[in-house]
Amino acid sequence: MPTYVILSKLTDEGRKTIKKNPQRILEVKEELGAMKVDIKEQFVVLGPYDFVNIVEAPDNETIMRASVEIGSRGSVQLLTLSAIPVGEFVKKMK
């Protein structure tokens, strides 16, 4: 299944939500699962982004729909990147 990296940046509204209910971060995993996106790893990071998520989804359309749905709520801004395993990249370059 294709792998994606999602870099997330909280908006002011998102920071308020997390401050009131930190558990909300974990609830997103269930929501994405219902959209056929499986979170493999979730990290809180320091710097220009607040979270890094490594996810798998069946295809670009699925990840696109999930990104639009989550992003449209106004609590987070997302940058979604397709990730290719190094071994697969090397094999395809031969």
PDB file of N, CA and C in Angstrom:
ATOM      1  N   MET A   1       0.848  -1.174   0.000  1.00  0.00           N
ATOM      2  CA  MET A   1       0.000   0.000   0.000  1.00  0.00           C
ATOM      3  C   MET A   1       0.894   1.238   0.000  1.00  0.00           C
ATOM      4  N   PRO A   2       0.530   2.281  -0.771  1.00  0.00           N
ATOM      5  CA  PRO A   2       1.352   3.494  -0.817  1.00  0.00           C
ATOM      6  C   PRO A   2       1.483   4.167   0.553  1.00  0.00           C
ATOM      7  N   THR A   3       2.663   4.748   0.756  1.00  0.00           N
ATOM      8  CA  THR A   3       2.976   5.447   1.999  1.00  0.00           C
ATOM      9  C   THR A   3       3.004   6.946   1.737  1.00  0.00           C
ATOM     10  N   TYR A   4       2.543   7.697   2.726  1.00  0.00           N
ATOM     11  CA  TYR A   4       2.525   9.157   2.638  1.00  0.00           C
ATOM     12  C   TYR A   4       3.042   9.743   3.948  1.00  0.00           C
ATOM     13  N   VAL A   5       3.643  10.916   3.841  1.00  0.00           N
ATOM     14  CA  VAL A   5       4.061  11.690   5.014  1.00  0.00           C
ATOM     15  C   VAL A   5       3.148  12.911   5.061  1.00  0.00           C
ATOM     16  N   ILE A   6       2.508  13.109   6.189  1.00  0.00           N
ATOM     17  CA  ILE A   6       1.655  14.287   6.359  1.00  0.00           C
ATOM     18  C   ILE A   6       2.289  15.176   7.425  1.00  0.00           C
ATOM     19  N   LEU A   7       2.641  16.389   7.011  1.00  0.00           N
ATOM     20  CA  LEU A   7       3.166  17.401   7.926  1.00  0.00           C
ATOM     21  C   LEU A   7       1.997  18.301   8.298  1.00  0.00           C
ATOM     22  N   SER A   8       1.773  18.467   9.590  1.00  0.00           N
ATOM     23  CA  SER A   8       0.608  19.218  10.065  1.00  0.00           C
ATOM     24  C   SER A   8       1.030  20.408  10.907  1.00  0.00           C
ATOM     25  N   LYS A   9       0.318  21.497  10.692  1.00  0.00           N
ATOM     26  CA  LYS A   9       0.554  22.725  11.455  1.00  0.00           C
ATOM     27  C   LYS A   9      -0.788  23.157  12.036  1.00  0.00           C
ATOM     28  N   LEU A  10      -0.876  23.256  13.359  1.00  0.00           N
ATOM     29  CA  LEU A  10      -2.121  23.669  14.002  1.00  0.00           C
ATOM     30  C   LEU A  10      -2.425  25.140  13.726  1.00  0.00           C
ATOM     31  N   THR A  11      -3.691  25.439  13.550  1.00  0.00           N
ATOM     32  CA  THR A  11      -4.142  26.828  13.492  1.00  0.00           C
ATOM     33  C   THR A  11      -4.405  27.286  14.925  1.00  0.00           C
ATOM     34  N   ASP A  12      -4.754  28.546  15.103  1.00  0.00           N
ATOM     35  CA  ASP A  12      -5.095  29.032  16.446  1.00  0.00           C
ATOM     36  C   ASP A  12      -6.239  28.212  17.032  1.00  0.00           C
ATOM     37  N   GLU A  13      -7.236  27.908  16.211  1.00  0.00           N
ATOM     38  CA  GLU A  13      -8.372  27.103  16.660  1.00  0.00           C
ATOM     39  C   GLU A  13      -7.917  25.698  17.066  1.00  0.00           C
ATOM     40  N   GLY A  14      -7.015  25.118  16.292  1.00  0.00           N
ATOM     41  CA  GLY A  14      -6.493  23.794  16.603  1.00  0.00           C
ATOM     42  C   GLY A  14      -5.725  23.757  17.910  1.00  0.00           C
ATOM     43  N   ARG A  15      -4.937  24.799  18.174  1.00  0.00           N
ATOM     44  CA  ARG A  15      -4.195  24.873  19.437  1.00  0.00           C
ATOM     45  C   ARG A  15      -5.144  24.964  20.623  1.00  0.00           C
ATOM     46  N   LYS A  16      -6.221  25.724  20.467  1.00  0.00           N
ATOM     47  CA  LYS A  16      -7.220  25.818  21.544  1.00  0.00           C
ATOM     48  C   LYS A  16      -7.850  24.446  21.809  1.00  0.00           C
ATOM     49  N   THR A  17      -8.166  23.743  20.740  1.00  0.00           N
ATOM     50  CA  THR A  17      -8.778  22.416  20.874  1.00  0.00           C
ATOM     51  C   THR A  17      -7.846  21.458  21.599  1.00  0.00           C
ATOM     52  N   ILE A  18      -6.576  21.435  21.207  1.00  0.00           N
ATOM     53  CA  ILE A  18      -5.591  20.525  21.811  1.00  0.00           C
ATOM     54  C   ILE A  18      -5.349  20.891  23.279  1.00  0.00           C
ATOM     55  N   LYS A  19      -5.348  22.177  23.574  1.00  0.00           N
ATOM     56  CA  LYS A  19      -5.143  22.597  24.968  1.00  0.00           C
ATOM     57  C   LYS A  19      -6.289  22.098  25.848  1.00  0.00           C
ATOM     58  N   LYS A  20      -7.526  22.212  25.343  1.00  0.00           N
ATOM     59  CA  LYS A  20      -8.694  21.766  26.108  1.00  0.00           C
ATOM     60  C   LYS A  20      -8.810  20.246  26.147  1.00  0.00           C
ATOM     61  N   ASN A  21      -8.410  19.583  25.053  1.00  0.00           N
ATOM     62  CA  ASN A  21      -8.619  18.139  24.928  1.00  0.00           C
ATOM     63  C   ASN A  21      -7.447  17.494  24.188  1.00  0.00           C
ATOM     64  N   PRO A  22      -6.319  17.253  24.868  1.00  0.00           N
ATOM     65  CA  PRO A  22      -5.159  16.635  24.208  1.00  0.00           C
ATOM     66  C   PRO A  22      -5.480  15.281  23.589  1.00  0.00           C
ATOM     67  N   GLN A  23      -6.463  14.577  24.117  1.00  0.00           N
ATOM     68  CA  GLN A  23      -6.867  13.271  23.593  1.00  0.00           C
ATOM     69  C   GLN A  23      -7.332  13.381  22.134  1.00  0.00           C
ATOM     70  N   ARG A  24      -7.712  14.566  21.714  1.00  0.00           N
ATOM     71  CA  ARG A  24      -8.191  14.796  20.340  1.00  0.00           C
ATOM     72  C   ARG A  24      -7.168  14.321  19.312  1.00  0.00           C
ATOM     73  N   ILE A  25      -5.898  14.444  19.637  1.00  0.00           N
ATOM     74  CA  ILE A  25      -4.839  14.009  18.716  1.00  0.00           C
ATOM     75  C   ILE A  25      -5.015  12.530  18.381  1.00  0.00           C
ATOM     76  N   LEU A  26      -5.328  11.721  19.374  1.00  0.00           N
ATOM     77  CA  LEU A  26      -5.490  10.284  19.161  1.00  0.00           C
ATOM     78  C   LEU A  26      -6.779   9.948  18.414  1.00  0.00           C
ATOM     79  N   GLU A  27      -7.791  10.773  18.565  1.00  0.00           N
ATOM     80  CA  GLU A  27      -9.064  10.535  17.889  1.00  0.00           C
ATOM     81  C   GLU A  27      -8.946  10.649  16.377  1.00  0.00           C
ATOM     82  N   VAL A  28      -7.998  11.440  15.913  1.00  0.00           N
ATOM     83  CA  VAL A  28      -7.806  11.615  14.469  1.00  0.00           C
ATOM     84  C   VAL A  28      -7.452  10.277  13.816  1.00  0.00           C
ATOM     85  N   LYS A  29      -6.731   9.428  14.531  1.00  0.00           N
ATOM     86  CA  LYS A  29      -6.364   8.116  13.987  1.00  0.00           C
ATOM     87  C   LYS A  29      -7.618   7.326  13.619  1.00  0.00           C
ATOM     88  N   GLU A  30      -8.612   7.345  14.487  1.00  0.00           N
ATOM     89  CA  GLU A  30      -9.861   6.634  14.212  1.00  0.00           C
ATOM     90  C   GLU A  30     -10.598   7.247  13.028  1.00  0.00           C
ATOM     91  N   GLU A  31     -10.624   8.570  12.968  1.00  0.00           N
ATOM     92  CA  GLU A  31     -11.301   9.256  11.864  1.00  0.00           C
ATOM     93  C   GLU A  31     -10.650   8.918  10.526  1.00  0.00           C
ATOM     94  N   LEU A  32      -9.320   8.957  10.499  1.00  0.00           N
ATOM     95  CA  LEU A  32      -8.627   8.625   9.259  1.00  0.00           C
ATOM     96  C   LEU A  32      -8.834   7.158   8.898  1.00  0.00           C
ATOM     97  N   GLY A  33      -8.860   6.291   9.899  1.00  0.00           N
ATOM     98  CA  GLY A  33      -9.113   4.879   9.648  1.00  0.00           C
ATOM     99  C   GLY A  33     -10.444   4.664   8.951  1.00  0.00           C
ATOM    100  N   ALA A  34     -11.459   5.416   9.346  1.00  0.00           N
ATOM    101  CA  ALA A  34     -12.771   5.325   8.701  1.00  0.00           C
ATOM    102  C   ALA A  34     -12.710   5.787   7.249  1.00  0.00           C
ATOM    103  N   MET A  35     -11.686   6.599   6.924  1.00  0.00           N
ATOM    104  CA  MET A  35     -11.495   7.072   5.544  1.00  0.00           C
ATOM    105  C   MET A  35     -10.510   6.188   4.773  1.00  0.00           C
ATOM    106  N   LYS A  36     -10.151   5.043   5.352  1.00  0.00           N
ATOM    107  CA  LYS A  36      -9.227   4.069   4.749  1.00  0.00           C
ATOM    108  C   LYS A  36      -7.786   4.555   4.717  1.00  0.00           C
ATOM    109  N   VAL A  37      -7.429   5.419   5.674  1.00  0.00           N
ATOM    110  CA  VAL A  37      -6.057   5.882   5.840  1.00  0.00           C
ATOM    111  C   VAL A  37      -5.567   5.336   7.177  1.00  0.00           C
ATOM    112  N   ASP A  38      -4.459   4.600   7.136  1.00  0.00           N
ATOM    113  CA  ASP A  38      -3.921   3.952   8.333  1.00  0.00           C
ATOM    114  C   ASP A  38      -2.685   4.707   8.818  1.00  0.00           C
ATOM    115  N   ILE A  39      -2.755   5.270  10.027  1.00  0.00           N
ATOM    116  CA  ILE A  39      -1.597   5.963  10.595  1.00  0.00           C
ATOM    117  C   ILE A  39      -0.633   4.911  11.140  1.00  0.00           C
ATOM    118  N   LYS A  40       0.570   4.891  10.589  1.00  0.00           N
ATOM    119  CA  LYS A  40       1.604   3.954  11.035  1.00  0.00           C
ATOM    120  C   LYS A  40       2.433   4.543  12.170  1.00  0.00           C
ATOM    121  N   GLU A  41       2.744   5.829  12.086  1.00  0.00           N
ATOM    122  CA  GLU A  41       3.527   6.529  13.113  1.00  0.00           C
ATOM    123  C   GLU A  41       3.000   7.950  13.238  1.00  0.00           C
ATOM    124  N   GLN A  42       3.012   8.457  14.448  1.00  0.00           N
ATOM    125  CA  GLN A  42       2.599   9.828  14.730  1.00  0.00           C
ATOM    126  C   GLN A  42       3.640  10.457  15.648  1.00  0.00           C
ATOM    127  N   PHE A  43       4.113  11.631  15.274  1.00  0.00           N
ATOM    128  CA  PHE A  43       5.124  12.327  16.065  1.00  0.00           C
ATOM    129  C   PHE A  43       4.713  13.777  16.280  1.00  0.00           C
ATOM    130  N   VAL A  44       4.949  14.285  17.475  1.00  0.00           N
ATOM    131  CA  VAL A  44       4.881  15.717  17.736  1.00  0.00           C
ATOM    132  C   VAL A  44       6.288  16.230  17.483  1.00  0.00           C
ATOM    133  N   VAL A  45       6.414  17.327  16.746  1.00  0.00           N
ATOM    134  CA  VAL A  45       7.742  17.846  16.409  1.00  0.00           C
ATOM    135  C   VAL A  45       7.829  19.330  16.751  1.00  0.00           C
ATOM    136  N   LEU A  46       9.046  19.794  16.935  1.00  0.00           N
ATOM    137  CA  LEU A  46       9.312  21.209  17.161  1.00  0.00           C
ATOM    138  C   LEU A  46       9.798  21.799  15.854  1.00  0.00           C
ATOM    139  N   GLY A  47       9.448  23.032  15.590  1.00  0.00           N
ATOM    140  CA  GLY A  47       9.861  23.677  14.350  1.00  0.00           C
ATOM    141  C   GLY A  47       8.653  24.210  13.608  1.00  0.00           C
ATOM    142  N   PRO A  48       8.748  24.307  12.278  1.00  0.00           N
ATOM    143  CA  PRO A  48       7.657  24.920  11.517  1.00  0.00           C
ATOM    144  C   PRO A  48       6.380  24.069  11.462  1.00  0.00           C
ATOM    145  N   TYR A  49       6.468  22.793  11.775  1.00  0.00           N
ATOM    146  CA  TYR A  49       5.291  21.916  11.817  1.00  0.00           C
ATOM    147  C   TYR A  49       5.100  21.403  13.235  1.00  0.00           C
ATOM    148  N   ASP A  50       3.876  21.000  13.549  1.00  0.00           N
ATOM    149  CA  ASP A  50       3.553  20.497  14.879  1.00  0.00           C
ATOM    150  C   ASP A  50       3.520  18.971  14.949  1.00  0.00           C
ATOM    151  N   PHE A  51       3.173  18.329  13.831  1.00  0.00           N
ATOM    152  CA  PHE A  51       3.060  16.872  13.796  1.00  0.00           C
ATOM    153  C   PHE A  51       3.605  16.330  12.486  1.00  0.00           C
ATOM    154  N   VAL A  52       4.162  15.125  12.572  1.00  0.00           N
ATOM    155  CA  VAL A  52       4.534  14.350  11.385  1.00  0.00           C
ATOM    156  C   VAL A  52       3.803  13.012  11.517  1.00  0.00           C
ATOM    157  N   ASN A  53       3.050  12.663  10.498  1.00  0.00           N
ATOM    158  CA  ASN A  53       2.333  11.399  10.472  1.00  0.00           C
ATOM    159  C   ASN A  53       2.794  10.586   9.275  1.00  0.00           C
ATOM    160  N   ILE A  54       3.118   9.339   9.508  1.00  0.00           N
ATOM    161  CA  ILE A  54       3.440   8.401   8.433  1.00  0.00           C
ATOM    162  C   ILE A  54       2.193   7.546   8.266  1.00  0.00           C
ATOM    163  N   VAL A  55       1.609   7.580   7.080  1.00  0.00           N
ATOM    164  CA  VAL A  55       0.345   6.890   6.858  1.00  0.00           C
ATOM    165  C   VAL A  55       0.413   6.035   5.601  1.00  0.00           C
ATOM    166  N   GLU A  56      -0.522   5.105   5.520  1.00  0.00           N
ATOM    167  CA  GLU A  56      -0.715   4.314   4.306  1.00  0.00           C
ATOM    168  C   GLU A  56      -2.151   4.507   3.852  1.00  0.00           C
ATOM    169  N   ALA A  57      -2.330   4.568   2.543  1.00  0.00           N
ATOM    170  CA  ALA A  57      -3.660   4.681   1.946  1.00  0.00           C
ATOM    171  C   ALA A  57      -3.650   3.911   0.628  1.00  0.00           C
ATOM    172  N   PRO A  58      -4.816   3.445   0.188  1.00  0.00           N
ATOM    173  CA  PRO A  58      -4.864   2.645  -1.035  1.00  0.00           C
ATOM    174  C   PRO A  58      -4.379   3.386  -2.282  1.00  0.00           C
ATOM    175  N   ASP A  59      -4.603   4.715  -2.327  1.00  0.00           N
ATOM    176  CA  ASP A  59      -4.252   5.460  -3.541  1.00  0.00           C
ATOM    177  C   ASP A  59      -4.254   6.965  -3.258  1.00  0.00           C
ATOM    178  N   ASN A  60      -3.812   7.736  -4.261  1.00  0.00           N
ATOM    179  CA  ASN A  60      -3.746   9.194  -4.113  1.00  0.00           C
ATOM    180  C   ASN A  60      -5.115   9.812  -3.874  1.00  0.00           C
ATOM    181  N   GLU A  61      -6.145   9.264  -4.508  1.00  0.00           N
ATOM    182  CA  GLU A  61      -7.488   9.815  -4.341  1.00  0.00           C
ATOM    183  C   GLU A  61      -7.957   9.702  -2.896  1.00  0.00           C
ATOM    184  N   THR A  62      -7.672   8.567  -2.257  1.00  0.00           N
ATOM    185  CA  THR A  62      -8.077   8.369  -0.865  1.00  0.00           C
ATOM    186  C   THR A  62      -7.380   9.365   0.046  1.00  0.00           C
ATOM    187  N   ILE A  63      -6.088   9.533  -0.115  1.00  0.00           N
ATOM    188  CA  ILE A  63      -5.343  10.456   0.741  1.00  0.00           C
ATOM    189  C   ILE A  63      -5.762  11.904   0.468  1.00  0.00           C
ATOM    190  N   MET A  64      -6.086  12.193  -0.793  1.00  0.00           N
ATOM    191  CA  MET A  64      -6.547  13.534  -1.159  1.00  0.00           C
ATOM    192  C   MET A  64      -7.864  13.847  -0.448  1.00  0.00           C
ATOM    193  N   ARG A  65      -8.814  12.916  -0.489  1.00  0.00           N
ATOM    194  CA  ARG A  65     -10.109  13.136   0.165  1.00  0.00           C
ATOM    195  C   ARG A  65      -9.931  13.315   1.677  1.00  0.00           C
ATOM    196  N   ALA A  66      -9.100  12.481   2.276  1.00  0.00           N
ATOM    197  CA  ALA A  66      -8.868  12.580   3.722  1.00  0.00           C
ATOM    198  C   ALA A  66      -8.217  13.918   4.071  1.00  0.00           C
ATOM    199  N   SER A  67      -7.247  14.340   3.277  1.00  0.00           N
ATOM    200  CA  SER A  67      -6.568  15.618   3.541  1.00  0.00           C
ATOM    201  C   SER A  67      -7.539  16.789   3.431  1.00  0.00           C
ATOM    202  N   VAL A  68      -8.387  16.748   2.418  1.00  0.00           N
ATOM    203  CA  VAL A  68      -9.373  17.829   2.251  1.00  0.00           C
ATOM    204  C   VAL A  68     -10.359  17.828   3.415  1.00  0.00           C
ATOM    205  N   GLU A  69     -10.835  16.652   3.807  1.00  0.00           N
ATOM    206  CA  GLU A  69     -11.790  16.557   4.919  1.00  0.00           C
ATOM    207  C   GLU A  69     -11.190  17.100   6.209  1.00  0.00           C
ATOM    208  N   ILE A  70     -10.000  16.627   6.569  1.00  0.00           N
ATOM    209  CA  ILE A  70      -9.360  17.072   7.817  1.00  0.00           C
ATOM    210  C   ILE A  70      -9.000  18.552   7.731  1.00  0.00           C
ATOM    211  N   GLY A  71      -8.451  18.978   6.605  1.00  0.00           N
ATOM    212  CA  GLY A  71      -8.038  20.368   6.447  1.00  0.00           C
ATOM    213  C   GLY A  71      -9.198  21.349   6.422  1.00  0.00           C
ATOM    214  N   SER A  72     -10.359  20.902   5.938  1.00  0.00           N
ATOM    215  CA  SER A  72     -11.504  21.806   5.817  1.00  0.00           C
ATOM    216  C   SER A  72     -12.097  22.193   7.170  1.00  0.00           C
ATOM    217  N   ARG A  73     -11.704  21.520   8.216  1.00  0.00           N
ATOM    218  CA  ARG A  73     -12.245  21.810   9.549  1.00  0.00           C
ATOM    219  C   ARG A  73     -11.670  23.086  10.153  1.00  0.00           C
ATOM    220  N   GLY A  74     -10.558  23.550   9.618  1.00  0.00           N
ATOM    221  CA  GLY A  74      -9.984  24.809  10.071  1.00  0.00           C
ATOM    222  C   GLY A  74      -9.072  24.725  11.278  1.00  0.00           C
ATOM    223  N   SER A  75      -8.802  23.519  11.764  1.00  0.00           N
ATOM    224  CA  SER A  75      -7.961  23.390  12.956  1.00  0.00           C
ATOM    225  C   SER A  75      -6.509  23.050  12.630  1.00  0.00           C
ATOM    226  N   VAL A  76      -6.256  22.694  11.377  1.00  0.00           N
ATOM    227  CA  VAL A  76      -4.914  22.266  10.997  1.00  0.00           C
ATOM    228  C   VAL A  76      -4.677  22.546   9.517  1.00  0.00           C
ATOM    229  N   GLN A  77      -3.428  22.851   9.188  1.00  0.00           N
ATOM    230  CA  GLN A  77      -3.003  22.981   7.788  1.00  0.00           C
ATOM    231  C   GLN A  77      -2.110  21.789   7.488  1.00  0.00           C
ATOM    232  N   LEU A  78      -2.315  21.161   6.337  1.00  0.00           N
ATOM    233  CA  LEU A  78      -1.601  19.929   6.011  1.00  0.00           C
ATOM    234  C   LEU A  78      -0.741  20.079   4.771  1.00  0.00           C
ATOM    235  N   LEU A  79       0.383  19.395   4.790  1.00  0.00           N
ATOM    236  CA  LEU A  79       1.214  19.205   3.608  1.00  0.00           C
ATOM    237  C   LEU A  79       1.393  17.701   3.484  1.00  0.00           C
ATOM    238  N   THR A  80       0.859  17.118   2.416  1.00  0.00           N
ATOM    239  CA  THR A  80       0.891  15.675   2.230  1.00  0.00           C
ATOM    240  C   THR A  80       1.891  15.327   1.131  1.00  0.00           C
ATOM    241  N   LEU A  81       2.799  14.410   1.450  1.00  0.00           N
ATOM    242  CA  LEU A  81       3.862  14.009   0.529  1.00  0.00           C
ATOM    243  C   LEU A  81       3.787  12.511   0.269  1.00  0.00           C
ATOM    244  N   SER A  82       3.940  12.122  -0.983  1.00  0.00           N
ATOM    245  CA  SER A  82       4.042  10.702  -1.305  1.00  0.00           C
ATOM    246  C   SER A  82       5.451  10.248  -0.939  1.00  0.00           C
ATOM    247  N   ALA A  83       5.555   9.085  -0.290  1.00  0.00           N
ATOM    248  CA  ALA A  83       6.859   8.583   0.154  1.00  0.00           C
ATOM    249  C   ALA A  83       7.140   7.249  -0.542  1.00  0.00           C
ATOM    250  N   ILE A  84       8.315   7.135  -1.122  1.00  0.00           N
ATOM    251  CA  ILE A  84       8.725   5.916  -1.825  1.00  0.00           C
ATOM    252  C   ILE A  84       9.846   5.266  -1.022  1.00  0.00           C
ATOM    253  N   PRO A  85       9.663   4.014  -0.618  1.00  0.00           N
ATOM    254  CA  PRO A  85      10.751   3.328   0.096  1.00  0.00           C
ATOM    255  C   PRO A  85      12.029   3.308  -0.744  1.00  0.00           C
ATOM    256  N   VAL A  86      13.160   3.486  -0.105  1.00  0.00           N
ATOM    257  CA  VAL A  86      14.434   3.571  -0.815  1.00  0.00           C
ATOM    258  C   VAL A  86      14.684   2.315  -1.656  1.00  0.00           C
ATOM    259  N   GLY A  87      14.412   1.139  -1.092  1.00  0.00           N
ATOM    260  CA  GLY A  87      14.623  -0.095  -1.844  1.00  0.00           C
ATOM    261  C   GLY A  87      13.807  -0.142  -3.129  1.00  0.00           C
ATOM    262  N   GLU A  88      12.568   0.319  -3.043  1.00  0.00           N
ATOM    263  CA  GLU A  88      11.695   0.358  -4.240  1.00  0.00           C
ATOM    264  C   GLU A  88      12.228   1.363  -5.243  1.00  0.00           C
ATOM    265  N   PHE A  89      12.703   2.502  -4.772  1.00  0.00           N
ATOM    266  CA  PHE A  89      13.265   3.526  -5.658  1.00  0.00           C
ATOM    267  C   PHE A  89      14.475   2.972  -6.413  1.00  0.00           C
ATOM    268  N   VAL A  90      15.383   2.323  -5.672  1.00  0.00           N
ATOM    269  CA  VAL A  90      16.596   1.782  -6.289  1.00  0.00           C
ATOM    270  C   VAL A  90      16.225   0.732  -7.342  1.00  0.00           C
ATOM    271  N   LYS A  91      15.288  -0.148  -6.995  1.00  0.00           N
ATOM    272  CA  LYS A  91      14.868  -1.187  -7.933  1.00  0.00           C
ATOM    273  C   LYS A  91      14.305  -0.592  -9.216  1.00  0.00           C
ATOM    274  N   LYS A  92      13.508   0.450  -9.106  1.00  0.00           N
ATOM    275  CA  LYS A  92      12.883   1.063 -10.276  1.00  0.00           C
ATOM    276  C   LYS A  92      13.875   1.892 -11.085  1.00  0.00           C
ATOM    277  N   MET A  93      14.959   2.304 -10.468  1.00  0.00           N
ATOM    278  CA  MET A  93      15.969   3.098 -11.179  1.00  0.00           C
ATOM    279  C   MET A  93      16.898   2.230 -12.020  1.00  0.00           C
ATOM    280  N   LYS A  94      16.906   0.940 -11.731  1.00  0.00           N
ATOM    281  CA  LYS A  94      17.783   0.031 -12.502  1.00  0.00           C
ATOM    282  C   LYS A  94      17.249  -0.212 -13.876  1.00  0.00           C
TER     283      LYS A  94
END
